[in-house]
């Protein structure tokens, strides 16, 4: 059965210059185990496509059952330079949570 990552997690995102920060917070411990094993930096980068021109690095935050993805060159130069509708990357967490997920 196909579902979306948002069935397993919440998300938050923000920015600092041209770097986006995306947090994926599991809804429960079982979901965190699954997310941790399947949601790689490469998968996030592939899903975001041309929006992220640099590296994506994944950090595990086990004490709150979350993953944090730092995406470099992800905001078209940053909030004061970007011509994107979402210069701050606030919608990127929603985009990541829309990843299709196989049970």
PDB file of N, CA and C in Angstrom:
ATOM      1  N   UNK A   1       0.842  -1.184   0.000  1.00  0.00           N
ATOM      2  CA  UNK A   1       0.000   0.000   0.000  1.00  0.00           C
ATOM      3  C   UNK A   1       0.883   1.241   0.000  1.00  0.00           C
ATOM      4  N   UNK A   2       0.537   2.209  -0.808  1.00  0.00           N
ATOM      5  CA  UNK A   2       1.288   3.457  -0.874  1.00  0.00           C
ATOM      6  C   UNK A   2       0.620   4.508  -0.014  1.00  0.00           C
ATOM      7  N   UNK A   3       1.427   5.187   0.755  1.00  0.00           N
ATOM      8  CA  UNK A   3       0.952   6.317   1.545  1.00  0.00           C
ATOM      9  C   UNK A   3       1.967   7.438   1.392  1.00  0.00           C
ATOM     10  N   UNK A   4       1.868   8.451   2.190  1.00  0.00           N
ATOM     11  CA  UNK A   4       2.812   9.579   2.160  1.00  0.00           C
ATOM     12  C   UNK A   4       3.559   9.641   3.486  1.00  0.00           C
ATOM     13  N   UNK A   5       4.737  10.225   3.460  1.00  0.00           N
ATOM     14  CA  UNK A   5       5.527  10.369   4.676  1.00  0.00           C
ATOM     15  C   UNK A   5       4.744  11.120   5.753  1.00  0.00           C
ATOM     16  N   UNK A   6       3.853  12.026   5.355  1.00  0.00           N
ATOM     17  CA  UNK A   6       3.096  12.785   6.364  1.00  0.00           C
ATOM     18  C   UNK A   6       2.193  11.899   7.214  1.00  0.00           C
ATOM     19  N   UNK A   7       1.948  10.664   6.774  1.00  0.00           N
ATOM     20  CA  UNK A   7       1.197   9.729   7.604  1.00  0.00           C
ATOM     21  C   UNK A   7       2.021   9.262   8.805  1.00  0.00           C
ATOM     22  N   UNK A   8       3.347   9.406   8.727  1.00  0.00           N
ATOM     23  CA  UNK A   8       4.256   8.943   9.767  1.00  0.00           C
ATOM     24  C   UNK A   8       4.916  10.066  10.556  1.00  0.00           C
ATOM     25  N   UNK A   9       4.867  11.296  10.016  1.00  0.00           N
ATOM     26  CA  UNK A   9       5.682  12.354  10.622  1.00  0.00           C
ATOM     27  C   UNK A   9       5.080  13.737  10.423  1.00  0.00           C
ATOM     28  N   UNK A  10       5.596  14.639  11.242  1.00  0.00           N
ATOM     29  CA  UNK A  10       5.339  16.071  11.103  1.00  0.00           C
ATOM     30  C   UNK A  10       6.593  16.698  10.495  1.00  0.00           C
ATOM     31  N   UNK A  11       6.496  17.926  10.045  1.00  0.00           N
ATOM     32  CA  UNK A  11       7.677  18.583   9.501  1.00  0.00           C
ATOM     33  C   UNK A  11       7.747  20.053   9.846  1.00  0.00           C
ATOM     34  N   UNK A  12       8.965  20.565   9.880  1.00  0.00           N
ATOM     35  CA  UNK A  12       9.234  21.994  10.084  1.00  0.00           C
ATOM     36  C   UNK A  12      10.397  22.355   9.179  1.00  0.00           C
ATOM     37  N   UNK A  13      10.421  23.565   8.706  1.00  0.00           N
ATOM     38  CA  UNK A  13      11.560  23.994   7.905  1.00  0.00           C
ATOM     39  C   UNK A  13      11.837  25.468   8.120  1.00  0.00           C
ATOM     40  N   UNK A  14      13.044  25.838   7.797  1.00  0.00           N
ATOM     41  CA  UNK A  14      13.463  27.221   7.949  1.00  0.00           C
ATOM     42  C   UNK A  14      14.701  27.481   7.111  1.00  0.00           C
ATOM     43  N   UNK A  15      15.347  28.599   7.381  1.00  0.00           N
ATOM     44  CA  UNK A  15      16.447  28.990   6.526  1.00  0.00           C
ATOM     45  C   UNK A  15      17.525  29.734   7.289  1.00  0.00           C
ATOM     46  N   UNK A  16      18.661  29.817   6.672  1.00  0.00           N
ATOM     47  CA  UNK A  16      19.754  30.688   7.082  1.00  0.00           C
ATOM     48  C   UNK A  16      20.545  30.944   5.804  1.00  0.00           C
ATOM     49  N   UNK A  17      20.374  32.117   5.261  1.00  0.00           N
ATOM     50  CA  UNK A  17      21.037  32.432   3.993  1.00  0.00           C
ATOM     51  C   UNK A  17      20.497  31.552   2.876  1.00  0.00           C
ATOM     52  N   UNK A  18      21.389  30.841   2.215  1.00  0.00           N
ATOM     53  CA  UNK A  18      21.016  29.979   1.100  1.00  0.00           C
ATOM     54  C   UNK A  18      20.908  28.515   1.536  1.00  0.00           C
ATOM     55  N   UNK A  19      20.778  28.292   2.838  1.00  0.00           N
ATOM     56  CA  UNK A  19      20.702  26.940   3.393  1.00  0.00           C
ATOM     57  C   UNK A  19      19.318  26.725   3.989  1.00  0.00           C
ATOM     58  N   UNK A  20      18.679  25.632   3.578  1.00  0.00           N
ATOM     59  CA  UNK A  20      17.382  25.265   4.155  1.00  0.00           C
ATOM     60  C   UNK A  20      17.587  24.147   5.164  1.00  0.00           C
ATOM     61  N   UNK A  21      16.794  24.190   6.203  1.00  0.00           N
ATOM     62  CA  UNK A  21      16.835  23.211   7.273  1.00  0.00           C
ATOM     63  C   UNK A  21      15.451  22.571   7.354  1.00  0.00           C
ATOM     64  N   UNK A  22      15.390  21.249   7.161  1.00  0.00           N
ATOM     65  CA  UNK A  22      14.110  20.545   7.157  1.00  0.00           C
ATOM     66  C   UNK A  22      14.132  19.484   8.251  1.00  0.00           C
ATOM     67  N   UNK A  23      13.183  19.564   9.161  1.00  0.00           N
ATOM     68  CA  UNK A  23      13.069  18.564  10.221  1.00  0.00           C
ATOM     69  C   UNK A  23      11.870  17.672   9.958  1.00  0.00           C
ATOM     70  N   UNK A  24      12.070  16.381  10.132  1.00  0.00           N
ATOM     71  CA  UNK A  24      11.011  15.386  10.006  1.00  0.00           C
ATOM     72  C   UNK A  24      10.894  14.723  11.369  1.00  0.00           C
ATOM     73  N   UNK A  25       9.766  14.944  12.044  1.00  0.00           N
ATOM     74  CA  UNK A  25       9.564  14.482  13.413  1.00  0.00           C
ATOM     75  C   UNK A  25       8.536  13.355  13.399  1.00  0.00           C
ATOM     76  N   UNK A  26       8.955  12.176  13.836  1.00  0.00           N
ATOM     77  CA  UNK A  26       8.086  10.996  13.800  1.00  0.00           C
ATOM     78  C   UNK A  26       6.892  11.160  14.730  1.00  0.00           C
ATOM     79  N   UNK A  27       5.772  10.592  14.329  1.00  0.00           N
ATOM     80  CA  UNK A  27       4.555  10.631  15.154  1.00  0.00           C
ATOM     81  C   UNK A  27       4.638   9.668  16.339  1.00  0.00           C
ATOM     82  N   UNK A  28       5.473   8.624  16.204  1.00  0.00           N
ATOM     83  CA  UNK A  28       5.657   7.667  17.307  1.00  0.00           C
ATOM     84  C   UNK A  28       6.966   6.904  17.090  1.00  0.00           C
ATOM     85  N   UNK A  29       7.331   6.076  18.057  1.00  0.00           N
ATOM     86  CA  UNK A  29       8.611   5.362  18.005  1.00  0.00           C
ATOM     87  C   UNK A  29       8.692   4.378  16.846  1.00  0.00           C
ATOM     88  N   UNK A  30       7.606   3.701  16.558  1.00  0.00           N
ATOM     89  CA  UNK A  30       7.581   2.758  15.444  1.00  0.00           C
ATOM     90  C   UNK A  30       7.801   3.492  14.122  1.00  0.00           C
ATOM     91  N   UNK A  31       7.162   4.629  13.954  1.00  0.00           N
ATOM     92  CA  UNK A  31       7.334   5.429  12.744  1.00  0.00           C
ATOM     93  C   UNK A  31       8.776   5.915  12.615  1.00  0.00           C
ATOM     94  N   UNK A  32       9.378   6.293  13.736  1.00  0.00           N
ATOM     95  CA  UNK A  32      10.765   6.775  13.691  1.00  0.00           C
ATOM     96  C   UNK A  32      11.709   5.683  13.205  1.00  0.00           C
ATOM     97  N   UNK A  33      11.513   4.471  13.677  1.00  0.00           N
ATOM     98  CA  UNK A  33      12.357   3.356  13.227  1.00  0.00           C
ATOM     99  C   UNK A  33      12.253   3.187  11.714  1.00  0.00           C
ATOM    100  N   UNK A  34      11.045   3.260  11.199  1.00  0.00           N
ATOM    101  CA  UNK A  34      10.834   3.104   9.754  1.00  0.00           C
ATOM    102  C   UNK A  34      11.426   4.275   8.977  1.00  0.00           C
ATOM    103  N   UNK A  35      11.166   5.479   9.431  1.00  0.00           N
ATOM    104  CA  UNK A  35      11.672   6.673   8.753  1.00  0.00           C
ATOM    105  C   UNK A  35      13.203   6.674   8.756  1.00  0.00           C
ATOM    106  N   UNK A  36      13.777   6.353   9.880  1.00  0.00           N
ATOM    107  CA  UNK A  36      15.232   6.361  10.020  1.00  0.00           C
ATOM    108  C   UNK A  36      15.889   5.383   9.053  1.00  0.00           C
ATOM    109  N   UNK A  37      15.237   4.263   8.797  1.00  0.00           N
ATOM    110  CA  UNK A  37      15.822   3.272   7.900  1.00  0.00           C
ATOM    111  C   UNK A  37      15.610   3.588   6.417  1.00  0.00           C
ATOM    112  N   UNK A  38      14.584   4.366   6.085  1.00  0.00           N
ATOM    113  CA  UNK A  38      14.240   4.570   4.677  1.00  0.00           C
ATOM    114  C   UNK A  38      14.477   5.978   4.137  1.00  0.00           C
ATOM    115  N   UNK A  39      14.456   6.984   4.993  1.00  0.00           N
ATOM    116  CA  UNK A  39      14.540   8.366   4.509  1.00  0.00           C
ATOM    117  C   UNK A  39      15.994   8.842   4.530  1.00  0.00           C
ATOM    118  N   UNK A  40      16.646   8.699   3.405  1.00  0.00           N
ATOM    119  CA  UNK A  40      18.055   9.072   3.291  1.00  0.00           C
ATOM    120  C   UNK A  40      18.188  10.497   2.757  1.00  0.00           C
ATOM    121  N   UNK A  41      19.375  11.043   2.908  1.00  0.00           N
ATOM    122  CA  UNK A  41      19.667  12.363   2.340  1.00  0.00           C
ATOM    123  C   UNK A  41      19.517  12.328   0.820  1.00  0.00           C
ATOM    124  N   UNK A  42      19.938  11.235   0.218  1.00  0.00           N
ATOM    125  CA  UNK A  42      19.831  11.100  -1.241  1.00  0.00           C
ATOM    126  C   UNK A  42      18.381  11.094  -1.698  1.00  0.00           C
ATOM    127  N   UNK A  43      17.535  10.444  -0.925  1.00  0.00           N
ATOM    128  CA  UNK A  43      16.107  10.399  -1.277  1.00  0.00           C
ATOM    129  C   UNK A  43      15.478  11.783  -1.179  1.00  0.00           C
ATOM    130  N   UNK A  44      15.829  12.531  -0.134  1.00  0.00           N
ATOM    131  CA  UNK A  44      15.307  13.890   0.029  1.00  0.00           C
ATOM    132  C   UNK A  44      15.792  14.773  -1.116  1.00  0.00           C
ATOM    133  N   UNK A  45      17.073  14.689  -1.443  1.00  0.00           N
ATOM    134  CA  UNK A  45      17.633  15.510  -2.528  1.00  0.00           C
ATOM    135  C   UNK A  45      16.958  15.178  -3.864  1.00  0.00           C
ATOM    136  N   UNK A  46      16.772  13.899  -4.134  1.00  0.00           N
ATOM    137  CA  UNK A  46      16.120  13.492  -5.384  1.00  0.00           C
ATOM    138  C   UNK A  46      14.680  13.996  -5.439  1.00  0.00           C
ATOM    139  N   UNK A  47      13.983  13.936  -4.325  1.00  0.00           N
ATOM    140  CA  UNK A  47      12.591  14.386  -4.288  1.00  0.00           C
ATOM    141  C   UNK A  47      12.482  15.900  -4.522  1.00  0.00           C
ATOM    142  N   UNK A  48      13.397  16.661  -3.953  1.00  0.00           N
ATOM    143  CA  UNK A  48      13.357  18.123  -4.105  1.00  0.00           C
ATOM    144  C   UNK A  48      13.906  18.580  -5.455  1.00  0.00           C
ATOM    145  N   UNK A  49      14.603  17.701  -6.141  1.00  0.00           N
ATOM    146  CA  UNK A  49      15.058  17.977  -7.507  1.00  0.00           C
ATOM    147  C   UNK A  49      15.908  19.223  -7.628  1.00  0.00           C
ATOM    148  N   UNK A  50      15.578  20.056  -8.591  1.00  0.00           N
ATOM    149  CA  UNK A  50      16.356  21.262  -8.904  1.00  0.00           C
ATOM    150  C   UNK A  50      16.269  22.346  -7.837  1.00  0.00           C
ATOM    151  N   UNK A  51      15.403  22.190  -6.856  1.00  0.00           N
ATOM    152  CA  UNK A  51      15.318  23.195  -5.791  1.00  0.00           C
ATOM    153  C   UNK A  51      16.586  23.223  -4.937  1.00  0.00           C
ATOM    154  N   UNK A  52      17.254  22.071  -4.825  1.00  0.00           N
ATOM    155  CA  UNK A  52      18.473  21.974  -4.017  1.00  0.00           C
ATOM    156  C   UNK A  52      19.643  21.702  -4.947  1.00  0.00           C
ATOM    157  N   UNK A  53      20.517  22.689  -5.079  1.00  0.00           N
ATOM    158  CA  UNK A  53      21.657  22.560  -5.989  1.00  0.00           C
ATOM    159  C   UNK A  53      22.899  21.993  -5.299  1.00  0.00           C
ATOM    160  N   UNK A  54      22.959  22.084  -3.972  1.00  0.00           N
ATOM    161  CA  UNK A  54      24.121  21.602  -3.225  1.00  0.00           C
ATOM    162  C   UNK A  54      23.847  20.290  -2.520  1.00  0.00           C
ATOM    163  N   UNK A  55      24.681  20.005  -1.540  1.00  0.00           N
ATOM    164  CA  UNK A  55      24.574  18.774  -0.770  1.00  0.00           C
ATOM    165  C   UNK A  55      23.386  18.803   0.183  1.00  0.00           C
ATOM    166  N   UNK A  56      22.925  17.615   0.526  1.00  0.00           N
ATOM    167  CA  UNK A  56      21.935  17.426   1.587  1.00  0.00           C
ATOM    168  C   UNK A  56      22.580  16.511   2.614  1.00  0.00           C
ATOM    169  N   UNK A  57      22.605  16.948   3.852  1.00  0.00           N
ATOM    170  CA  UNK A  57      23.199  16.167   4.933  1.00  0.00           C
ATOM    171  C   UNK A  57      22.114  15.836   5.952  1.00  0.00           C
ATOM    172  N   UNK A  58      22.072  14.572   6.364  1.00  0.00           N
ATOM    173  CA  UNK A  58      21.067  14.109   7.328  1.00  0.00           C
ATOM    174  C   UNK A  58      21.696  13.974   8.704  1.00  0.00           C
ATOM    175  N   UNK A  59      20.980  14.488   9.696  1.00  0.00           N
ATOM    176  CA  UNK A  59      21.377  14.336  11.096  1.00  0.00           C
ATOM    177  C   UNK A  59      20.257  13.613  11.823  1.00  0.00           C
ATOM    178  N   UNK A  60      20.627  12.653  12.657  1.00  0.00           N
ATOM    179  CA  UNK A  60      19.659  11.907  13.455  1.00  0.00           C
ATOM    180  C   UNK A  60      19.563  12.530  14.840  1.00  0.00           C
ATOM    181  N   UNK A  61      18.344  12.785  15.272  1.00  0.00           N
ATOM    182  CA  UNK A  61      18.100  13.368  16.593  1.00  0.00           C
ATOM    183  C   UNK A  61      17.246  12.362  17.363  1.00  0.00           C
ATOM    184  N   UNK A  62      17.925  11.305  17.827  1.00  0.00           N
ATOM    185  CA  UNK A  62      17.223  10.171  18.426  1.00  0.00           C
ATOM    186  C   UNK A  62      16.413  10.528  19.670  1.00  0.00           C
ATOM    187  N   UNK A  63      16.891  11.466  20.463  1.00  0.00           N
ATOM    188  CA  UNK A  63      16.196  11.774  21.713  1.00  0.00           C
ATOM    189  C   UNK A  63      14.811  12.385  21.489  1.00  0.00           C
ATOM    190  N   UNK A  64      14.547  12.960  20.319  1.00  0.00           N
ATOM    191  CA  UNK A  64      13.198  13.458  20.019  1.00  0.00           C
ATOM    192  C   UNK A  64      12.595  12.736  18.805  1.00  0.00           C
ATOM    193  N   UNK A  65      13.241  11.651  18.396  1.00  0.00           N
ATOM    194  CA  UNK A  65      12.776  10.820  17.280  1.00  0.00           C
ATOM    195  C   UNK A  65      12.511  11.653  16.032  1.00  0.00           C
ATOM    196  N   UNK A  66      13.581  12.317  15.592  1.00  0.00           N
ATOM    197  CA  UNK A  66      13.483  13.196  14.430  1.00  0.00           C
ATOM    198  C   UNK A  66      14.729  13.089  13.571  1.00  0.00           C
ATOM    199  N   UNK A  67      14.573  13.465  12.317  1.00  0.00           N
ATOM    200  CA  UNK A  67      15.698  13.608  11.399  1.00  0.00           C
ATOM    201  C   UNK A  67      15.753  15.061  10.967  1.00  0.00           C
ATOM    202  N   UNK A  68      16.955  15.565  10.813  1.00  0.00           N
ATOM    203  CA  UNK A  68      17.146  16.944  10.366  1.00  0.00           C
ATOM    204  C   UNK A  68      17.969  16.914   9.084  1.00  0.00           C
ATOM    205  N   UNK A  69      17.474  17.547   8.057  1.00  0.00           N
ATOM    206  CA  UNK A  69      18.169  17.601   6.769  1.00  0.00           C
ATOM    207  C   UNK A  69      18.612  19.033   6.513  1.00  0.00           C
ATOM    208  N   UNK A  70      19.907  19.204   6.310  1.00  0.00           N
ATOM    209  CA  UNK A  70      20.462  20.513   5.991  1.00  0.00           C
ATOM    210  C   UNK A  70      20.753  20.504   4.492  1.00  0.00           C
ATOM    211  N   UNK A  71      20.096  21.410   3.780  1.00  0.00           N
ATOM    212  CA  UNK A  71      20.160  21.458   2.319  1.00  0.00           C
ATOM    213  C   UNK A  71      20.907  22.719   1.884  1.00  0.00           C
ATOM    214  N   UNK A  72      22.056  22.533   1.266  1.00  0.00           N
ATOM    215  CA  UNK A  72      22.888  23.647   0.838  1.00  0.00           C
ATOM    216  C   UNK A  72      22.491  24.104  -0.569  1.00  0.00           C
ATOM    217  N   UNK A  73      22.648  25.380  -0.800  1.00  0.00           N
ATOM    218  CA  UNK A  73      22.270  26.018  -2.076  1.00  0.00           C
ATOM    219  C   UNK A  73      20.831  25.651  -2.435  1.00  0.00           C
ATOM    220  N   UNK A  74      19.947  25.870  -1.475  1.00  0.00           N
ATOM    221  CA  UNK A  74      18.563  25.432  -1.619  1.00  0.00           C
ATOM    222  C   UNK A  74      17.560  26.574  -1.739  1.00  0.00           C
ATOM    223  N   UNK A  75      18.020  27.814  -1.627  1.00  0.00           N
ATOM    224  CA  UNK A  75      17.050  28.913  -1.585  1.00  0.00           C
ATOM    225  C   UNK A  75      17.323  29.980  -2.640  1.00  0.00           C
ATOM    226  N   UNK A  76      17.941  29.571  -3.729  1.00  0.00           N
ATOM    227  CA  UNK A  76      18.176  30.478  -4.864  1.00  0.00           C
ATOM    228  C   UNK A  76      18.879  31.765  -4.429  1.00  0.00           C
ATOM    229  N   UNK A  77      19.860  31.599  -3.525  1.00  0.00           N
ATOM    230  CA  UNK A  77      20.632  32.751  -3.076  1.00  0.00           C
ATOM    231  C   UNK A  77      20.240  33.276  -1.712  1.00  0.00           C
ATOM    232  N   UNK A  78      19.090  32.885  -1.207  1.00  0.00           N
ATOM    233  CA  UNK A  78      18.639  33.348   0.103  1.00  0.00           C
ATOM    234  C   UNK A  78      17.486  34.323   0.000  1.00  0.00           C
ATOM    235  N   UNK A  79      16.911  34.642   1.137  1.00  0.00           N
ATOM    236  CA  UNK A  79      15.678  35.431   1.199  1.00  0.00           C
ATOM    237  C   UNK A  79      15.787  36.799   0.535  1.00  0.00           C
ATOM    238  N   UNK A  80      16.908  37.459   0.663  1.00  0.00           N
ATOM    239  CA  UNK A  80      17.022  38.806   0.108  1.00  0.00           C
ATOM    240  C   UNK A  80      17.392  38.808  -1.365  1.00  0.00           C
ATOM    241  N   UNK A  81      17.744  37.663  -1.915  1.00  0.00           N
ATOM    242  CA  UNK A  81      18.157  37.575  -3.323  1.00  0.00           C
ATOM    243  C   UNK A  81      17.208  36.774  -4.203  1.00  0.00           C
ATOM    244  N   UNK A  82      16.499  35.853  -3.602  1.00  0.00           N
ATOM    245  CA  UNK A  82      15.696  34.902  -4.349  1.00  0.00           C
ATOM    246  C   UNK A  82      14.466  35.546  -4.978  1.00  0.00           C
ATOM    247  N   UNK A  83      14.110  35.068  -6.156  1.00  0.00           N
ATOM    248  CA  UNK A  83      12.879  35.484  -6.819  1.00  0.00           C
ATOM    249  C   UNK A  83      11.778  34.431  -6.666  1.00  0.00           C
ATOM    250  N   UNK A  84      12.063  33.406  -5.883  1.00  0.00           N
ATOM    251  CA  UNK A  84      11.068  32.362  -5.634  1.00  0.00           C
ATOM    252  C   UNK A  84       9.921  32.913  -4.794  1.00  0.00           C
ATOM    253  N   UNK A  85       8.783  32.302  -4.925  1.00  0.00           N
ATOM    254  CA  UNK A  85       7.632  32.673  -4.101  1.00  0.00           C
ATOM    255  C   UNK A  85       7.927  32.382  -2.630  1.00  0.00           C
ATOM    256  N   UNK A  86       8.605  31.256  -2.369  1.00  0.00           N
ATOM    257  CA  UNK A  86       8.960  30.859  -1.003  1.00  0.00           C
ATOM    258  C   UNK A  86      10.469  31.051  -0.807  1.00  0.00           C
ATOM    259  N   UNK A  87      10.887  32.286  -0.569  1.00  0.00           N
ATOM    260  CA  UNK A  87      12.316  32.590  -0.429  1.00  0.00           C
ATOM    261  C   UNK A  87      12.916  32.001   0.846  1.00  0.00           C
ATOM    262  N   UNK A  88      12.110  31.704   1.841  1.00  0.00           N
ATOM    263  CA  UNK A  88      12.609  31.232   3.124  1.00  0.00           C
ATOM    264  C   UNK A  88      12.571  29.711   3.269  1.00  0.00           C
ATOM    265  N   UNK A  89      12.052  29.016   2.288  1.00  0.00           N
ATOM    266  CA  UNK A  89      12.016  27.561   2.337  1.00  0.00           C
ATOM    267  C   UNK A  89      10.994  26.984   3.287  1.00  0.00           C
ATOM    268  N   UNK A  90      10.000  27.770   3.666  1.00  0.00           N
ATOM    269  CA  UNK A  90       8.999  27.299   4.628  1.00  0.00           C
ATOM    270  C   UNK A  90       8.155  26.146   4.078  1.00  0.00           C
ATOM    271  N   UNK A  91       8.024  26.042   2.780  1.00  0.00           N
ATOM    272  CA  UNK A  91       7.211  24.982   2.190  1.00  0.00           C
ATOM    273  C   UNK A  91       7.996  23.693   1.946  1.00  0.00           C
ATOM    274  N   UNK A  92       9.300  23.703   2.157  1.00  0.00           N
ATOM    275  CA  UNK A  92      10.106  22.526   1.854  1.00  0.00           C
ATOM    276  C   UNK A  92       9.769  21.332   2.746  1.00  0.00           C
ATOM    277  N   UNK A  93       9.424  21.567   3.991  1.00  0.00           N
ATOM    278  CA  UNK A  93       9.023  20.452   4.858  1.00  0.00           C
ATOM    279  C   UNK A  93       7.771  19.787   4.298  1.00  0.00           C
ATOM    280  N   UNK A  94       6.830  20.584   3.856  1.00  0.00           N
ATOM    281  CA  UNK A  94       5.626  20.025   3.253  1.00  0.00           C
ATOM    282  C   UNK A  94       5.933  19.220   2.011  1.00  0.00           C
ATOM    283  N   UNK A  95       6.872  19.682   1.221  1.00  0.00           N
ATOM    284  CA  UNK A  95       7.276  18.955   0.015  1.00  0.00           C
ATOM    285  C   UNK A  95       7.889  17.609   0.379  1.00  0.00           C
ATOM    286  N   UNK A  96       8.741  17.591   1.391  1.00  0.00           N
ATOM    287  CA  UNK A  96       9.367  16.335   1.819  1.00  0.00           C
ATOM    288  C   UNK A  96       8.323  15.386   2.394  1.00  0.00           C
ATOM    289  N   UNK A  97       7.381  15.902   3.163  1.00  0.00           N
ATOM    290  CA  UNK A  97       6.352  15.039   3.750  1.00  0.00           C
ATOM    291  C   UNK A  97       5.432  14.422   2.689  1.00  0.00           C
ATOM    292  N   UNK A  98       5.485  14.934   1.488  1.00  0.00           N
ATOM    293  CA  UNK A  98       4.662  14.418   0.398  1.00  0.00           C
ATOM    294  C   UNK A  98       5.335  13.239  -0.323  1.00  0.00           C
ATOM    295  N   UNK A  99       6.524  12.846   0.113  1.00  0.00           N
ATOM    296  CA  UNK A  99       7.212  11.689  -0.476  1.00  0.00           C
ATOM    297  C   UNK A  99       6.316  10.467  -0.343  1.00  0.00           C
ATOM    298  N   UNK A 100       6.190   9.722  -1.441  1.00  0.00           N
ATOM    299  CA  UNK A 100       5.412   8.482  -1.394  1.00  0.00           C
ATOM    300  C   UNK A 100       6.150   7.450  -0.566  1.00  0.00           C
ATOM    301  N   UNK A 101       5.384   6.697   0.208  1.00  0.00           N
ATOM    302  CA  UNK A 101       5.959   5.775   1.188  1.00  0.00           C
ATOM    303  C   UNK A 101       5.311   4.414   1.022  1.00  0.00           C
ATOM    304  N   UNK A 102       6.125   3.389   0.853  1.00  0.00           N
ATOM    305  CA  UNK A 102       5.628   2.012   0.763  1.00  0.00           C
ATOM    306  C   UNK A 102       5.650   1.368   2.144  1.00  0.00           C
ATOM    307  N   UNK A 103       4.593   0.672   2.488  1.00  0.00           N
ATOM    308  CA  UNK A 103       4.554  -0.027   3.790  1.00  0.00           C
ATOM    309  C   UNK A 103       5.333  -1.305   3.714  1.00  0.00           C
TER     310      UNK A 103
END
